[in-house]
Amino acid sequence: MSLAISVAISVLWCGCLTVFLSSNHQRLLAKPFSKSLSIPTFIGSVLISIWLFTLSYNVVASALVVLTFTMLIWLSLVLLLGHTQAKLIPFSGANLIFWLAVVQLGGQHVV
């Protein structure tokens, strides 16, 4: 089940990144993403992540885990970008690797 959880975190992280990149305050892209494209992408990633988490947890717990990870991923994106002058690929890669490491090192006891 750790593969399903890793995929769920990756999908959720991609959805959070698309919403983050649609903000006017982000500095990774010259022009922000379209909000009309990024919001449905984010909603779809949340629903897919909840579904993948239901393979290990019940629906309520899955929804709470996804909500918690969404807030933590957005917080890490904002804090990391505030303290580094990175480009999109290294910034995104480091953040995604961090969240995958958190899930893999802790497994179901952390998530």
PDB file of N, CA and C in Angstrom:
ATOM      1  N   MET A   1       0.799  -1.193   0.000  1.00  0.00           N
ATOM      2  CA  MET A   1       0.000   0.000   0.000  1.00  0.00           C
ATOM      3  C   MET A   1       0.845   1.261   0.000  1.00  0.00           C
ATOM      4  N   SER A   2       2.142   1.161   0.280  1.00  0.00           N
ATOM      5  CA  SER A   2       2.964   2.371   0.287  1.00  0.00           C
ATOM      6  C   SER A   2       3.110   2.948  -1.117  1.00  0.00           C
ATOM      7  N   LEU A   3       2.981   2.105  -2.143  1.00  0.00           N
ATOM      8  CA  LEU A   3       3.023   2.624  -3.511  1.00  0.00           C
ATOM      9  C   LEU A   3       1.797   3.487  -3.783  1.00  0.00           C
ATOM     10  N   ALA A   4       0.635   3.043  -3.338  1.00  0.00           N
ATOM     11  CA  ALA A   4      -0.585   3.839  -3.526  1.00  0.00           C
ATOM     12  C   ALA A   4      -0.499   5.151  -2.769  1.00  0.00           C
ATOM     13  N   ILE A   5       0.083   5.126  -1.569  1.00  0.00           N
ATOM     14  CA  ILE A   5       0.227   6.354  -0.788  1.00  0.00           C
ATOM     15  C   ILE A   5       1.223   7.287  -1.451  1.00  0.00           C
ATOM     16  N   SER A   6       2.317   6.751  -1.985  1.00  0.00           N
ATOM     17  CA  SER A   6       3.293   7.581  -2.690  1.00  0.00           C
ATOM     18  C   SER A   6       2.691   8.215  -3.939  1.00  0.00           C
ATOM     19  N   VAL A   7       1.912   7.440  -4.672  1.00  0.00           N
ATOM     20  CA  VAL A   7       1.243   7.990  -5.856  1.00  0.00           C
ATOM     21  C   VAL A   7       0.235   9.054  -5.440  1.00  0.00           C
ATOM     22  N   ALA A   8      -0.480   8.819  -4.347  1.00  0.00           N
ATOM     23  CA  ALA A   8      -1.456   9.793  -3.862  1.00  0.00           C
ATOM     24  C   ALA A   8      -0.782  11.108  -3.489  1.00  0.00           C
ATOM     25  N   ILE A   9       0.354  11.026  -2.803  1.00  0.00           N
ATOM     26  CA  ILE A   9       1.080  12.241  -2.422  1.00  0.00           C
ATOM     27  C   ILE A   9       1.622  12.945  -3.654  1.00  0.00           C
ATOM     28  N   SER A  10       2.126  12.190  -4.637  1.00  0.00           N
ATOM     29  CA  SER A  10       2.642  12.804  -5.860  1.00  0.00           C
ATOM     30  C   SER A  10       1.539  13.512  -6.639  1.00  0.00           C
ATOM     31  N   VAL A  11       0.386  12.879  -6.740  1.00  0.00           N
ATOM     32  CA  VAL A  11      -0.747  13.496  -7.455  1.00  0.00           C
ATOM     33  C   VAL A  11      -1.204  14.743  -6.708  1.00  0.00           C
ATOM     34  N   LEU A  12      -1.309  14.650  -5.397  1.00  0.00           N
ATOM     35  CA  LEU A  12      -1.727  15.801  -4.597  1.00  0.00           C
ATOM     36  C   LEU A  12      -0.712  16.924  -4.699  1.00  0.00           C
ATOM     37  N   TRP A  13       0.559  16.586  -4.667  1.00  0.00           N
ATOM     38  CA  TRP A  13       1.605  17.595  -4.769  1.00  0.00           C
ATOM     39  C   TRP A  13       1.541  18.306  -6.125  1.00  0.00           C
ATOM     40  N   CYS A  14       1.299  17.569  -7.194  1.00  0.00           N
ATOM     41  CA  CYS A  14       1.175  18.191  -8.525  1.00  0.00           C
ATOM     42  C   CYS A  14      -0.018  19.140  -8.570  1.00  0.00           C
ATOM     43  N   GLY A  15      -1.125  18.745  -7.962  1.00  0.00           N
ATOM     44  CA  GLY A  15      -2.291  19.620  -7.909  1.00  0.00           C
ATOM     45  C   GLY A  15      -2.021  20.878  -7.107  1.00  0.00           C
ATOM     46  N   CYS A  16      -1.340  20.734  -5.982  1.00  0.00           N
ATOM     47  CA  CYS A  16      -0.988  21.909  -5.170  1.00  0.00           C
ATOM     48  C   CYS A  16      -0.024  22.827  -5.913  1.00  0.00           C
ATOM     49  N   LEU A  17       0.907  22.232  -6.651  1.00  0.00           N
ATOM     50  CA  LEU A  17       1.860  23.048  -7.408  1.00  0.00           C
ATOM     51  C   LEU A  17       1.164  23.832  -8.515  1.00  0.00           C
ATOM     52  N   THR A  18       0.181  23.237  -9.186  1.00  0.00           N
ATOM     53  CA  THR A  18      -0.505  23.969 -10.250  1.00  0.00           C
ATOM     54  C   THR A  18      -1.268  25.170  -9.695  1.00  0.00           C
ATOM     55  N   VAL A  19      -1.892  25.007  -8.526  1.00  0.00           N
ATOM     56  CA  VAL A  19      -2.579  26.152  -7.922  1.00  0.00           C
ATOM     57  C   VAL A  19      -1.570  27.190  -7.470  1.00  0.00           C
ATOM     58  N   PHE A  20      -0.454  26.748  -6.911  1.00  0.00           N
ATOM     59  CA  PHE A  20       0.589  27.680  -6.492  1.00  0.00           C
ATOM     60  C   PHE A  20       1.135  28.465  -7.688  1.00  0.00           C
ATOM     61  N   LEU A  21       1.321  27.779  -8.813  1.00  0.00           N
ATOM     62  CA  LEU A  21       1.856  28.451  -9.996  1.00  0.00           C
ATOM     63  C   LEU A  21       0.833  29.349 -10.679  1.00  0.00           C
ATOM     64  N   SER A  22      -0.431  29.281 -10.287  1.00  0.00           N
ATOM     65  CA  SER A  22      -1.429  30.184 -10.855  1.00  0.00           C
ATOM     66  C   SER A  22      -1.535  31.491 -10.065  1.00  0.00           C
ATOM     67  N   SER A  23      -0.812  31.586  -8.959  1.00  0.00           N
ATOM     68  CA  SER A  23      -0.835  32.801  -8.149  1.00  0.00           C
ATOM     69  C   SER A  23      -0.012  33.904  -8.815  1.00  0.00           C
ATOM     70  N   ASN A  24      -0.439  35.131  -8.629  1.00  0.00           N
ATOM     71  CA  ASN A  24       0.316  36.271  -9.159  1.00  0.00           C
ATOM     72  C   ASN A  24       1.583  36.530  -8.355  1.00  0.00           C
ATOM     73  N   HIS A  25       1.682  35.976  -7.157  1.00  0.00           N
ATOM     74  CA  HIS A  25       2.823  36.217  -6.280  1.00  0.00           C
ATOM     75  C   HIS A  25       3.957  35.210  -6.439  1.00  0.00           C
ATOM     76  N   GLN A  26       3.749  34.169  -7.210  1.00  0.00           N
ATOM     77  CA  GLN A  26       4.812  33.182  -7.408  1.00  0.00           C
ATOM     78  C   GLN A  26       5.897  33.783  -8.300  1.00  0.00           C
ATOM     79  N   ARG A  27       7.143  33.340  -8.069  1.00  0.00           N
ATOM     80  CA  ARG A  27       8.274  33.870  -8.831  1.00  0.00           C
ATOM     81  C   ARG A  27       8.960  32.807  -9.667  1.00  0.00           C
ATOM     82  N   LEU A  28       8.345  31.659  -9.829  1.00  0.00           N
ATOM     83  CA  LEU A  28       8.989  30.585 -10.585  1.00  0.00           C
ATOM     84  C   LEU A  28       8.749  30.708 -12.084  1.00  0.00           C
ATOM     85  N   LEU A  29       7.615  31.232 -12.481  1.00  0.00           N
ATOM     86  CA  LEU A  29       7.273  31.390 -13.894  1.00  0.00           C
ATOM     87  C   LEU A  29       7.096  32.872 -14.201  1.00  0.00           C
ATOM     88  N   ALA A  30       7.406  33.251 -15.430  1.00  0.00           N
ATOM     89  CA  ALA A  30       7.235  34.647 -15.819  1.00  0.00           C
ATOM     90  C   ALA A  30       5.755  35.028 -15.850  1.00  0.00           C
ATOM     91  N   LYS A  31       4.928  34.118 -16.311  1.00  0.00           N
ATOM     92  CA  LYS A  31       3.491  34.361 -16.387  1.00  0.00           C
ATOM     93  C   LYS A  31       2.778  33.237 -15.637  1.00  0.00           C
ATOM     94  N   PRO A  32       1.872  33.581 -14.715  1.00  0.00           N
ATOM     95  CA  PRO A  32       1.180  32.531 -13.950  1.00  0.00           C
ATOM     96  C   PRO A  32       0.300  31.655 -14.834  1.00  0.00           C
ATOM     97  N   PHE A  33       0.045  30.436 -14.338  1.00  0.00           N
ATOM     98  CA  PHE A  33      -0.894  29.534 -15.003  1.00  0.00           C
ATOM     99  C   PHE A  33      -2.294  30.141 -14.977  1.00  0.00           C
ATOM    100  N   SER A  34      -3.129  29.638 -15.838  1.00  0.00           N
ATOM    101  CA  SER A  34      -4.530  30.038 -15.856  1.00  0.00           C
ATOM    102  C   SER A  34      -5.252  29.431 -14.658  1.00  0.00           C
ATOM    103  N   LYS A  35      -5.981  30.269 -13.933  1.00  0.00           N
ATOM    104  CA  LYS A  35      -6.732  29.762 -12.784  1.00  0.00           C
ATOM    105  C   LYS A  35      -7.870  28.842 -13.224  1.00  0.00           C
ATOM    106  N   SER A  36      -8.415  29.089 -14.407  1.00  0.00           N
ATOM    107  CA  SER A  36      -9.516  28.246 -14.873  1.00  0.00           C
ATOM    108  C   SER A  36      -9.043  26.835 -15.222  1.00  0.00           C
ATOM    109  N   LEU A  37      -7.757  26.651 -15.421  1.00  0.00           N
ATOM    110  CA  LEU A  37      -7.202  25.321 -15.657  1.00  0.00           C
ATOM    111  C   LEU A  37      -6.641  24.704 -14.377  1.00  0.00           C
ATOM    112  N   SER A  38      -6.044  25.530 -13.520  1.00  0.00           N
ATOM    113  CA  SER A  38      -5.373  24.982 -12.341  1.00  0.00           C
ATOM    114  C   SER A  38      -6.346  24.563 -11.239  1.00  0.00           C
ATOM    115  N   ILE A  39      -7.451  25.259 -11.073  1.00  0.00           N
ATOM    116  CA  ILE A  39      -8.407  24.893 -10.022  1.00  0.00           C
ATOM    117  C   ILE A  39      -9.047  23.531 -10.294  1.00  0.00           C
ATOM    118  N   PRO A  40      -9.554  23.255 -11.517  1.00  0.00           N
ATOM    119  CA  PRO A  40     -10.083  21.897 -11.764  1.00  0.00           C
ATOM    120  C   PRO A  40      -9.008  20.810 -11.645  1.00  0.00           C
ATOM    121  N   THR A  41      -7.779  21.139 -12.025  1.00  0.00           N
ATOM    122  CA  THR A  41      -6.685  20.180 -11.865  1.00  0.00           C
ATOM    123  C   THR A  41      -6.469  19.863 -10.390  1.00  0.00           C
ATOM    124  N   PHE A  42      -6.490  20.895  -9.559  1.00  0.00           N
ATOM    125  CA  PHE A  42      -6.317  20.699  -8.123  1.00  0.00           C
ATOM    126  C   PHE A  42      -7.460  19.875  -7.540  1.00  0.00           C
ATOM    127  N   ILE A  43      -8.688  20.187  -7.907  1.00  0.00           N
ATOM    128  CA  ILE A  43      -9.841  19.444  -7.391  1.00  0.00           C
ATOM    129  C   ILE A  43      -9.760  17.979  -7.811  1.00  0.00           C
ATOM    130  N   GLY A  44      -9.379  17.737  -9.060  1.00  0.00           N
ATOM    131  CA  GLY A  44      -9.213  16.364  -9.522  1.00  0.00           C
ATOM    132  C   GLY A  44      -8.110  15.637  -8.767  1.00  0.00           C
ATOM    133  N   SER A  45      -7.008  16.319  -8.497  1.00  0.00           N
ATOM    134  CA  SER A  45      -5.916  15.673  -7.763  1.00  0.00           C
ATOM    135  C   SER A  45      -6.321  15.368  -6.328  1.00  0.00           C
ATOM    136  N   VAL A  46      -7.113  16.234  -5.721  1.00  0.00           N
ATOM    137  CA  VAL A  46      -7.599  15.968  -4.358  1.00  0.00           C
ATOM    138  C   VAL A  46      -8.502  14.734  -4.353  1.00  0.00           C
ATOM    139  N   LEU A  47      -9.405  14.656  -5.312  1.00  0.00           N
ATOM    140  CA  LEU A  47     -10.312  13.509  -5.361  1.00  0.00           C
ATOM    141  C   LEU A  47      -9.570  12.202  -5.642  1.00  0.00           C
ATOM    142  N   ILE A  48      -8.600  12.246  -6.540  1.00  0.00           N
ATOM    143  CA  ILE A  48      -7.794  11.046  -6.824  1.00  0.00           C
ATOM    144  C   ILE A  48      -6.993  10.639  -5.594  1.00  0.00           C
ATOM    145  N   SER A  49      -6.432  11.625  -4.889  1.00  0.00           N
ATOM    146  CA  SER A  49      -5.654  11.318  -3.684  1.00  0.00           C
ATOM    147  C   SER A  49      -6.528  10.714  -2.597  1.00  0.00           C
ATOM    148  N   ILE A  50      -7.716  11.253  -2.421  1.00  0.00           N
ATOM    149  CA  ILE A  50      -8.633  10.675  -1.429  1.00  0.00           C
ATOM    150  C   ILE A  50      -8.954   9.234  -1.805  1.00  0.00           C
ATOM    151  N   TRP A  51      -9.223   9.002  -3.075  1.00  0.00           N
ATOM    152  CA  TRP A  51      -9.529   7.637  -3.530  1.00  0.00           C
ATOM    153  C   TRP A  51      -8.346   6.704  -3.287  1.00  0.00           C
ATOM    154  N   LEU A  52      -7.129   7.157  -3.570  1.00  0.00           N
ATOM    155  CA  LEU A  52      -5.961   6.306  -3.343  1.00  0.00           C
ATOM    156  C   LEU A  52      -5.718   6.056  -1.855  1.00  0.00           C
ATOM    157  N   PHE A  53      -5.983   7.051  -1.030  1.00  0.00           N
ATOM    158  CA  PHE A  53      -5.830   6.846   0.410  1.00  0.00           C
ATOM    159  C   PHE A  53      -6.885   5.902   0.969  1.00  0.00           C
ATOM    160  N   THR A  54      -8.043   5.812   0.308  1.00  0.00           N
ATOM    161  CA  THR A  54      -9.071   4.889   0.803  1.00  0.00           C
ATOM    162  C   THR A  54      -8.667   3.431   0.628  1.00  0.00           C
ATOM    163  N   LEU A  55      -7.607   3.180  -0.105  1.00  0.00           N
ATOM    164  CA  LEU A  55      -7.097   1.815  -0.182  1.00  0.00           C
ATOM    165  C   LEU A  55      -6.471   1.377   1.143  1.00  0.00           C
ATOM    166  N   SER A  56      -6.060   2.352   1.965  1.00  0.00           N
ATOM    167  CA  SER A  56      -5.449   2.042   3.255  1.00  0.00           C
ATOM    168  C   SER A  56      -6.272   2.510   4.447  1.00  0.00           C
ATOM    169  N   TYR A  57      -7.085   3.551   4.262  1.00  0.00           N
ATOM    170  CA  TYR A  57      -7.828   4.158   5.358  1.00  0.00           C
ATOM    171  C   TYR A  57      -9.300   4.276   4.977  1.00  0.00           C
ATOM    172  N   ASN A  58     -10.145   4.636   5.948  1.00  0.00           N
ATOM    173  CA  ASN A  58     -11.543   4.887   5.615  1.00  0.00           C
ATOM    174  C   ASN A  58     -11.669   6.277   4.971  1.00  0.00           C
ATOM    175  N   VAL A  59     -12.849   6.608   4.490  1.00  0.00           N
ATOM    176  CA  VAL A  59     -13.034   7.823   3.690  1.00  0.00           C
ATOM    177  C   VAL A  59     -12.790   9.092   4.507  1.00  0.00           C
ATOM    178  N   VAL A  60     -13.277   9.116   5.730  1.00  0.00           N
ATOM    179  CA  VAL A  60     -13.110  10.310   6.564  1.00  0.00           C
ATOM    180  C   VAL A  60     -11.637  10.540   6.884  1.00  0.00           C
ATOM    181  N   ALA A  61     -10.941   9.490   7.268  1.00  0.00           N
ATOM    182  CA  ALA A  61      -9.520   9.613   7.559  1.00  0.00           C
ATOM    183  C   ALA A  61      -8.740  10.012   6.307  1.00  0.00           C
ATOM    184  N   SER A  62      -9.114   9.465   5.162  1.00  0.00           N
ATOM    185  CA  SER A  62      -8.452   9.815   3.909  1.00  0.00           C
ATOM    186  C   SER A  62      -8.637  11.282   3.579  1.00  0.00           C
ATOM    187  N   ALA A  63      -9.843  11.777   3.761  1.00  0.00           N
ATOM    188  CA  ALA A  63     -10.112  13.187   3.482  1.00  0.00           C
ATOM    189  C   ALA A  63      -9.319  14.090   4.425  1.00  0.00           C
ATOM    190  N   LEU A  64      -9.226  13.706   5.691  1.00  0.00           N
ATOM    191  CA  LEU A  64      -8.457  14.507   6.647  1.00  0.00           C
ATOM    192  C   LEU A  64      -6.961  14.466   6.344  1.00  0.00           C
ATOM    193  N   VAL A  65      -6.465  13.313   5.935  1.00  0.00           N
ATOM    194  CA  VAL A  65      -5.046  13.206   5.571  1.00  0.00           C
ATOM    195  C   VAL A  65      -4.749  14.075   4.354  1.00  0.00           C
ATOM    196  N   VAL A  66      -5.625  14.039   3.363  1.00  0.00           N
ATOM    197  CA  VAL A  66      -5.423  14.856   2.162  1.00  0.00           C
ATOM    198  C   VAL A  66      -5.492  16.341   2.507  1.00  0.00           C
ATOM    199  N   LEU A  67      -6.424  16.728   3.362  1.00  0.00           N
ATOM    200  CA  LEU A  67      -6.516  18.125   3.787  1.00  0.00           C
ATOM    201  C   LEU A  67      -5.241  18.561   4.510  1.00  0.00           C
ATOM    202  N   THR A  68      -4.760  17.717   5.401  1.00  0.00           N
ATOM    203  CA  THR A  68      -3.544  18.030   6.146  1.00  0.00           C
ATOM    204  C   THR A  68      -2.341  18.142   5.216  1.00  0.00           C
ATOM    205  N   PHE A  69      -2.184  17.174   4.321  1.00  0.00           N
ATOM    206  CA  PHE A  69      -1.060  17.228   3.400  1.00  0.00           C
ATOM    207  C   PHE A  69      -1.165  18.414   2.447  1.00  0.00           C
ATOM    208  N   THR A  70      -2.370  18.793   2.043  1.00  0.00           N
ATOM    209  CA  THR A  70      -2.531  19.965   1.180  1.00  0.00           C
ATOM    210  C   THR A  70      -2.014  21.212   1.878  1.00  0.00           C
ATOM    211  N   MET A  71      -2.392  21.384   3.120  1.00  0.00           N
ATOM    212  CA  MET A  71      -1.920  22.558   3.862  1.00  0.00           C
ATOM    213  C   MET A  71      -0.409  22.518   4.064  1.00  0.00           C
ATOM    214  N   LEU A  72       0.129  21.357   4.372  1.00  0.00           N
ATOM    215  CA  LEU A  72       1.573  21.244   4.593  1.00  0.00           C
ATOM    216  C   LEU A  72       2.364  21.437   3.302  1.00  0.00           C
ATOM    217  N   ILE A  73       1.854  20.928   2.188  1.00  0.00           N
ATOM    218  CA  ILE A  73       2.554  21.093   0.910  1.00  0.00           C
ATOM    219  C   ILE A  73       2.561  22.555   0.505  1.00  0.00           C
ATOM    220  N   TRP A  74       1.425  23.236   0.629  1.00  0.00           N
ATOM    221  CA  TRP A  74       1.401  24.657   0.300  1.00  0.00           C
ATOM    222  C   TRP A  74       2.327  25.450   1.214  1.00  0.00           C
ATOM    223  N   LEU A  75       2.343  25.120   2.496  1.00  0.00           N
ATOM    224  CA  LEU A  75       3.228  25.799   3.428  1.00  0.00           C
ATOM    225  C   LEU A  75       4.689  25.580   3.046  1.00  0.00           C
ATOM    226  N   SER A  76       5.043  24.360   2.694  1.00  0.00           N
ATOM    227  CA  SER A  76       6.436  24.092   2.315  1.00  0.00           C
ATOM    228  C   SER A  76       6.803  24.793   1.011  1.00  0.00           C
ATOM    229  N   LEU A  77       5.869  24.876   0.072  1.00  0.00           N
ATOM    230  CA  LEU A  77       6.143  25.591  -1.176  1.00  0.00           C
ATOM    231  C   LEU A  77       6.415  27.066  -0.905  1.00  0.00           C
ATOM    232  N   VAL A  78       5.600  27.686  -0.089  1.00  0.00           N
ATOM    233  CA  VAL A  78       5.751  29.114   0.196  1.00  0.00           C
ATOM    234  C   VAL A  78       7.020  29.378   0.997  1.00  0.00           C
ATOM    235  N   LEU A  79       7.269  28.573   2.029  1.00  0.00           N
ATOM    236  CA  LEU A  79       8.457  28.799   2.853  1.00  0.00           C
ATOM    237  C   LEU A  79       9.744  28.533   2.093  1.00  0.00           C
ATOM    238  N   LEU A  80       9.763  27.474   1.306  1.00  0.00           N
ATOM    239  CA  LEU A  80      10.970  27.167   0.542  1.00  0.00           C
ATOM    240  C   LEU A  80      11.243  28.229  -0.503  1.00  0.00           C
ATOM    241  N   LEU A  81      10.213  28.701  -1.167  1.00  0.00           N
ATOM    242  CA  LEU A  81      10.398  29.737  -2.182  1.00  0.00           C
ATOM    243  C   LEU A  81      10.804  31.061  -1.548  1.00  0.00           C
ATOM    244  N   GLY A  82      10.354  31.327  -0.331  1.00  0.00           N
ATOM    245  CA  GLY A  82      10.719  32.564   0.349  1.00  0.00           C
ATOM    246  C   GLY A  82      12.172  32.624   0.769  1.00  0.00           C
ATOM    247  N   HIS A  83      12.832  31.469   0.873  1.00  0.00           N
ATOM    248  CA  HIS A  83      14.213  31.438   1.351  1.00  0.00           C
ATOM    249  C   HIS A  83      15.217  30.994   0.302  1.00  0.00           C
ATOM    250  N   THR A  84      14.773  30.695  -0.892  1.00  0.00           N
ATOM    251  CA  THR A  84      15.687  30.293  -1.959  1.00  0.00           C
ATOM    252  C   THR A  84      15.370  31.064  -3.224  1.00  0.00           C
ATOM    253  N   GLN A  85      16.327  31.115  -4.116  1.00  0.00           N
ATOM    254  CA  GLN A  85      16.139  31.739  -5.421  1.00  0.00           C
ATOM    255  C   GLN A  85      16.273  30.659  -6.487  1.00  0.00           C
ATOM    256  N   ALA A  86      15.503  29.600  -6.370  1.00  0.00           N
ATOM    257  CA  ALA A  86      15.629  28.434  -7.241  1.00  0.00           C
ATOM    258  C   ALA A  86      14.781  28.588  -8.499  1.00  0.00           C
ATOM    259  N   LYS A  87      15.129  27.802  -9.485  1.00  0.00           N
ATOM    260  CA  LYS A  87      14.330  27.690 -10.705  1.00  0.00           C
ATOM    261  C   LYS A  87      13.220  26.672 -10.461  1.00  0.00           C
ATOM    262  N   LEU A  88      12.325  26.534 -11.428  1.00  0.00           N
ATOM    263  CA  LEU A  88      11.143  25.688 -11.247  1.00  0.00           C
ATOM    264  C   LEU A  88      11.506  24.221 -11.027  1.00  0.00           C
ATOM    265  N   ILE A  89      12.357  23.657 -11.881  1.00  0.00           N
ATOM    266  CA  ILE A  89      12.638  22.219 -11.807  1.00  0.00           C
ATOM    267  C   ILE A  89      13.387  21.842 -10.520  1.00  0.00           C
ATOM    268  N   PRO A  90      14.495  22.515 -10.152  1.00  0.00           N
ATOM    269  CA  PRO A  90      15.152  22.124  -8.891  1.00  0.00           C
ATOM    270  C   PRO A  90      14.274  22.378  -7.664  1.00  0.00           C
ATOM    271  N   PHE A  91      13.548  23.474  -7.686  1.00  0.00           N
ATOM    272  CA  PHE A  91      12.651  23.799  -6.575  1.00  0.00           C
ATOM    273  C   PHE A  91      11.574  22.743  -6.426  1.00  0.00           C
ATOM    274  N   SER A  92      10.926  22.395  -7.522  1.00  0.00           N
ATOM    275  CA  SER A  92       9.856  21.405  -7.496  1.00  0.00           C
ATOM    276  C   SER A  92      10.382  20.022  -7.155  1.00  0.00           C
ATOM    277  N   GLY A  93      11.508  19.663  -7.737  1.00  0.00           N
ATOM    278  CA  GLY A  93      12.085  18.347  -7.477  1.00  0.00           C
ATOM    279  C   GLY A  93      12.453  18.155  -6.025  1.00  0.00           C
ATOM    280  N   ALA A  94      13.077  19.173  -5.424  1.00  0.00           N
ATOM    281  CA  ALA A  94      13.468  19.060  -4.020  1.00  0.00           C
ATOM    282  C   ALA A  94      12.250  18.947  -3.114  1.00  0.00           C
ATOM    283  N   ASN A  95      11.213  19.696  -3.423  1.00  0.00           N
ATOM    284  CA  ASN A  95      10.012  19.650  -2.598  1.00  0.00           C
ATOM    285  C   ASN A  95       9.289  18.317  -2.733  1.00  0.00           C
ATOM    286  N   LEU A  96       9.177  17.809  -3.950  1.00  0.00           N
ATOM    287  CA  LEU A  96       8.520  16.519  -4.153  1.00  0.00           C
ATOM    288  C   LEU A  96       9.310  15.387  -3.512  1.00  0.00           C
ATOM    289  N   ILE A  97      10.616  15.397  -3.643  1.00  0.00           N
ATOM    290  CA  ILE A  97      11.453  14.363  -3.028  1.00  0.00           C
ATOM    291  C   ILE A  97      11.315  14.399  -1.505  1.00  0.00           C
ATOM    292  N   PHE A  98      11.234  15.586  -0.943  1.00  0.00           N
ATOM    293  CA  PHE A  98      11.041  15.703   0.503  1.00  0.00           C
ATOM    294  C   PHE A  98       9.751  15.028   0.937  1.00  0.00           C
ATOM    295  N   TRP A  99       8.634  15.311   0.249  1.00  0.00           N
ATOM    296  CA  TRP A  99       7.353  14.740   0.651  1.00  0.00           C
ATOM    297  C   TRP A  99       7.294  13.243   0.405  1.00  0.00           C
ATOM    298  N   LEU A 100       7.927  12.773  -0.651  1.00  0.00           N
ATOM    299  CA  LEU A 100       7.976  11.322  -0.861  1.00  0.00           C
ATOM    300  C   LEU A 100       8.818  10.638   0.212  1.00  0.00           C
ATOM    301  N   ALA A 101       9.893  11.303   0.641  1.00  0.00           N
ATOM    302  CA  ALA A 101      10.721  10.741   1.709  1.00  0.00           C
ATOM    303  C   ALA A 101       9.958  10.684   3.021  1.00  0.00           C
ATOM    304  N   VAL A 102       9.178  11.708   3.302  1.00  0.00           N
ATOM    305  CA  VAL A 102       8.368  11.704   4.528  1.00  0.00           C
ATOM    306  C   VAL A 102       7.410  10.521   4.519  1.00  0.00           C
ATOM    307  N   VAL A 103       6.771  10.284   3.387  1.00  0.00           N
ATOM    308  CA  VAL A 103       5.810   9.185   3.296  1.00  0.00           C
ATOM    309  C   VAL A 103       6.512   7.840   3.357  1.00  0.00           C
ATOM    310  N   GLN A 104       7.623   7.689   2.652  1.00  0.00           N
ATOM    311  CA  GLN A 104       8.310   6.401   2.619  1.00  0.00           C
ATOM    312  C   GLN A 104       8.996   6.073   3.942  1.00  0.00           C
ATOM    313  N   LEU A 105       9.563   7.060   4.599  1.00  0.00           N
ATOM    314  CA  LEU A 105      10.259   6.794   5.863  1.00  0.00           C
ATOM    315  C   LEU A 105       9.287   6.477   6.987  1.00  0.00           C
ATOM    316  N   GLY A 106       8.133   7.134   6.978  1.00  0.00           N
ATOM    317  CA  GLY A 106       7.173   6.914   8.046  1.00  0.00           C
ATOM    318  C   GLY A 106       6.157   5.848   7.728  1.00  0.00           C
ATOM    319  N   GLY A 107       5.847   5.700   6.455  1.00  0.00           N
ATOM    320  CA  GLY A 107       4.859   4.718   6.059  1.00  0.00           C
ATOM    321  C   GLY A 107       3.489   5.041   6.610  1.00  0.00           C
ATOM    322  N   GLN A 108       2.725   4.042   6.936  1.00  0.00           N
ATOM    323  CA  GLN A 108       1.369   4.250   7.407  1.00  0.00           C
ATOM    324  C   GLN A 108       1.319   4.807   8.836  1.00  0.00           C
ATOM    325  N   HIS A 109       2.430   4.778   9.543  1.00  0.00           N
ATOM    326  CA  HIS A 109       2.431   5.292  10.892  1.00  0.00           C
ATOM    327  C   HIS A 109       2.534   6.806  10.919  1.00  0.00           C
ATOM    328  N   VAL A 110       3.046   7.415   9.836  1.00  0.00           N
ATOM    329  CA  VAL A 110       3.127   8.868   9.751  1.00  0.00           C
ATOM    330  C   VAL A 110       1.914   9.408   9.030  1.00  0.00           C
ATOM    331  N   VAL A 111       1.508   8.747   7.970  1.00  0.00           N
ATOM    332  CA  VAL A 111       0.406   9.249   7.170  1.00  0.00           C
ATOM    333  C   VAL A 111      -0.907   8.919   7.825  1.00  0.00           C
TER     334      VAL A 111
END
